Structures are given as C-alpha cells and as structure tokens.
Amino acid sequence: MTDSPSSPYARFPVLETIDIREASDIRHAVDRLIESYITQVPEGKFSYRILLPRDPKSTAKAKRIGLAFQGEFVLGLRKRNIVPRVREVRYVHDESHYGWLLANPEVYERFERRTTS
C-alpha cells in the first residue's frame, strides 16, 4: 500500500467508484461489480475503485470490510463458473479513505504506459 495521499492511483481511470462505509454496503456493491465484470471483461474495460473508511479508529473496520468484500466478490464469480482475472492495487486515496483498485490487467498496463511516458 502506498502511503502518499497524492498517489497516482487516485487518478486511475475507473468505470465507477464505490464508497463502502459499512459491512451492510458489501452485498449491493458486489452484485454491481459481478454484473459489470461479466459485461466489461470481454472488452478489457473492467475497472472499479472501492473506497474504504480510513481513520485511527476504523483501520480494523476497513480491513474487515475489505476481506468480506473480496471473499464475496470471488465467491460470486466462482458461483457463475467465472475465473477471476483481476489485478488489484491498494493505496491511500485521501485523508479519509483507503483506495482499492480492481481492474483488468490490460487497464493497468494502459495506465502505467501513460504515467511513465
């Protein structure tokens, strides 16, 4: 995880940013991601930013939400017999959020080429 709030990943191109504040937000977010994954992966365009709460009191909460989200997402894909092909990066998005990028490897490659040129 990058410690800089000015991480270049804060500018990573995504289809949507989902702010998950509570465990109760996970199910709806996972359902949206799975539907998007099914339609966007063949086109090589799948890319989402998940924002998790960041403050001294919620570090454990963010980890718990992140693990639950990851488990639900992978399980949801496997139930549909889909092998996940997702690259992820976790970083500090801003003072109040951790950022978590989930995207096709091709999306990362295009982004990295643009940021290094």
Protein backbone atom coordinates (compact mmCIF):
# COMPACT_ATOMS: atom_id res chain seq x y z
CA MET A 1 0.00 0.00 0.00
CA THR A 2 1.30 3.43 -0.91
CA ASP A 3 1.48 5.92 1.97
CA SER A 4 1.13 9.07 -0.11
CA PRO A 5 -2.35 10.61 -0.39
CA SER A 6 -1.18 12.04 -3.71
CA SER A 7 -0.75 8.55 -5.13
CA PRO A 8 -1.04 8.40 -8.92
CA TYR A 9 -3.63 5.67 -8.37
CA ALA A 10 -6.05 8.34 -7.11
CA ARG A 11 -6.25 9.36 -10.81
CA PHE A 12 -6.62 5.80 -12.14
CA PRO A 13 -9.44 5.64 -14.73
CA VAL A 14 -12.39 3.63 -13.42
CA LEU A 15 -15.92 2.87 -14.59
CA GLU A 16 -17.23 3.64 -11.12
CA THR A 17 -16.11 4.44 -7.60
CA ILE A 18 -17.98 2.70 -4.79
CA ASP A 19 -17.72 4.04 -1.25
CA ILE A 20 -18.23 1.22 1.25
CA ARG A 21 -18.72 2.56 4.76
CA GLU A 22 -20.38 -0.39 6.47
CA ALA A 23 -20.49 -4.17 6.06
CA SER A 24 -24.14 -3.78 5.03
CA ASP A 25 -22.96 -1.99 1.83
CA ILE A 26 -20.96 -5.01 0.63
CA ARG A 27 -23.72 -7.16 -0.89
CA HIS A 28 -25.05 -4.42 -3.18
CA ALA A 29 -21.53 -3.39 -4.24
CA VAL A 30 -20.52 -6.98 -5.01
CA ASP A 31 -23.66 -7.56 -7.09
CA ARG A 32 -22.88 -4.44 -9.17
CA LEU A 33 -19.26 -5.50 -9.66
CA ILE A 34 -20.13 -9.03 -10.73
CA GLU A 35 -22.63 -7.80 -13.33
CA SER A 36 -20.09 -5.30 -14.61
CA TYR A 37 -17.35 -7.93 -14.64
CA ILE A 38 -19.47 -10.21 -16.82
CA THR A 39 -20.10 -7.46 -19.39
CA GLN A 40 -16.83 -5.50 -19.26
CA VAL A 41 -14.13 -8.20 -19.09
CA PRO A 42 -14.58 -9.37 -22.70
CA GLU A 43 -13.99 -5.76 -23.78
CA GLY A 44 -10.99 -5.35 -21.46
CA LYS A 45 -12.58 -2.38 -19.71
CA PHE A 46 -13.36 -3.63 -16.19
CA SER A 47 -12.05 -1.14 -13.62
CA TYR A 48 -13.50 -0.13 -10.26
CA ARG A 49 -12.33 1.87 -7.29
CA ILE A 50 -13.51 0.76 -3.87
CA LEU A 51 -13.17 3.33 -1.10
CA LEU A 52 -12.90 2.08 2.47
CA PRO A 53 -13.02 4.20 5.65
CA ARG A 54 -9.69 5.49 6.93
CA ASP A 55 -9.08 6.90 10.39
CA PRO A 56 -7.28 5.68 13.52
CA LYS A 57 -10.47 4.13 14.89
CA SER A 58 -11.50 2.35 11.70
CA THR A 59 -8.34 0.59 10.47
CA ALA A 60 -9.64 -2.75 11.73
CA LYS A 61 -13.06 -1.92 10.29
CA ALA A 62 -11.58 -1.18 6.85
CA LYS A 63 -9.64 -4.46 6.90
CA ARG A 64 -12.74 -6.41 7.93
CA ILE A 65 -14.87 -4.78 5.23
CA GLY A 66 -12.15 -5.33 2.62
CA LEU A 67 -11.77 -9.02 3.43
CA ALA A 68 -15.52 -9.59 3.42
CA PHE A 69 -15.86 -7.72 0.11
CA GLN A 70 -13.04 -9.70 -1.51
CA GLY A 71 -14.47 -13.02 -0.34
CA GLU A 72 -17.98 -12.17 -1.58
CA PHE A 73 -16.68 -10.96 -4.95
CA VAL A 74 -14.56 -14.05 -5.63
CA LEU A 75 -17.31 -16.39 -4.39
CA GLY A 76 -19.89 -14.63 -6.58
CA LEU A 77 -17.70 -15.06 -9.66
CA ARG A 78 -16.95 -18.70 -8.90
CA LYS A 79 -20.66 -19.47 -8.42
CA ARG A 80 -21.07 -18.37 -12.03
CA ASN A 81 -18.09 -20.51 -13.10
CA ILE A 82 -16.02 -17.43 -13.87
CA VAL A 83 -12.30 -17.50 -13.16
CA PRO A 84 -11.37 -14.05 -11.81
CA ARG A 85 -8.81 -12.21 -13.92
CA VAL A 86 -8.41 -9.08 -11.89
CA ARG A 87 -5.38 -7.16 -10.79
CA GLU A 88 -5.64 -5.13 -7.61
CA VAL A 89 -3.80 -2.25 -6.00
CA ARG A 90 -4.43 -0.89 -2.53
CA TYR A 91 -3.34 2.63 -1.69
CA VAL A 92 -4.11 5.65 0.48
CA HIS A 93 -6.69 7.60 -1.53
CA ASP A 94 -7.10 10.66 0.71
CA GLU A 95 -7.24 11.61 4.39
CA SER A 96 -10.48 9.73 4.99
CA HIS A 97 -10.27 6.78 2.56
CA TYR A 98 -8.17 3.82 1.58
CA GLY A 99 -8.46 3.12 -2.12
CA TRP A 100 -8.64 -0.32 -3.66
CA LEU A 101 -8.50 -0.68 -7.43
CA LEU A 102 -9.85 -3.79 -9.15
CA ALA A 103 -9.27 -3.90 -12.89
CA ASN A 104 -8.34 -5.99 -15.91
CA PRO A 105 -4.57 -6.33 -16.25
CA GLU A 106 -4.86 -4.52 -19.61
CA VAL A 107 -6.35 -1.44 -17.92
CA TYR A 108 -3.35 -1.29 -15.57
CA GLU A 109 -0.93 -1.69 -18.47
CA ARG A 110 -2.53 1.22 -20.36
CA PHE A 111 -2.46 3.40 -17.23
CA GLU A 112 1.17 2.57 -16.45
CA ARG A 113 2.23 3.32 -20.03
CA ARG A 114 0.55 6.74 -19.81
CA THR A 115 2.08 7.60 -16.43
CA THR A 116 5.62 6.59 -17.43
CA SER A 117 5.64 8.36 -20.80
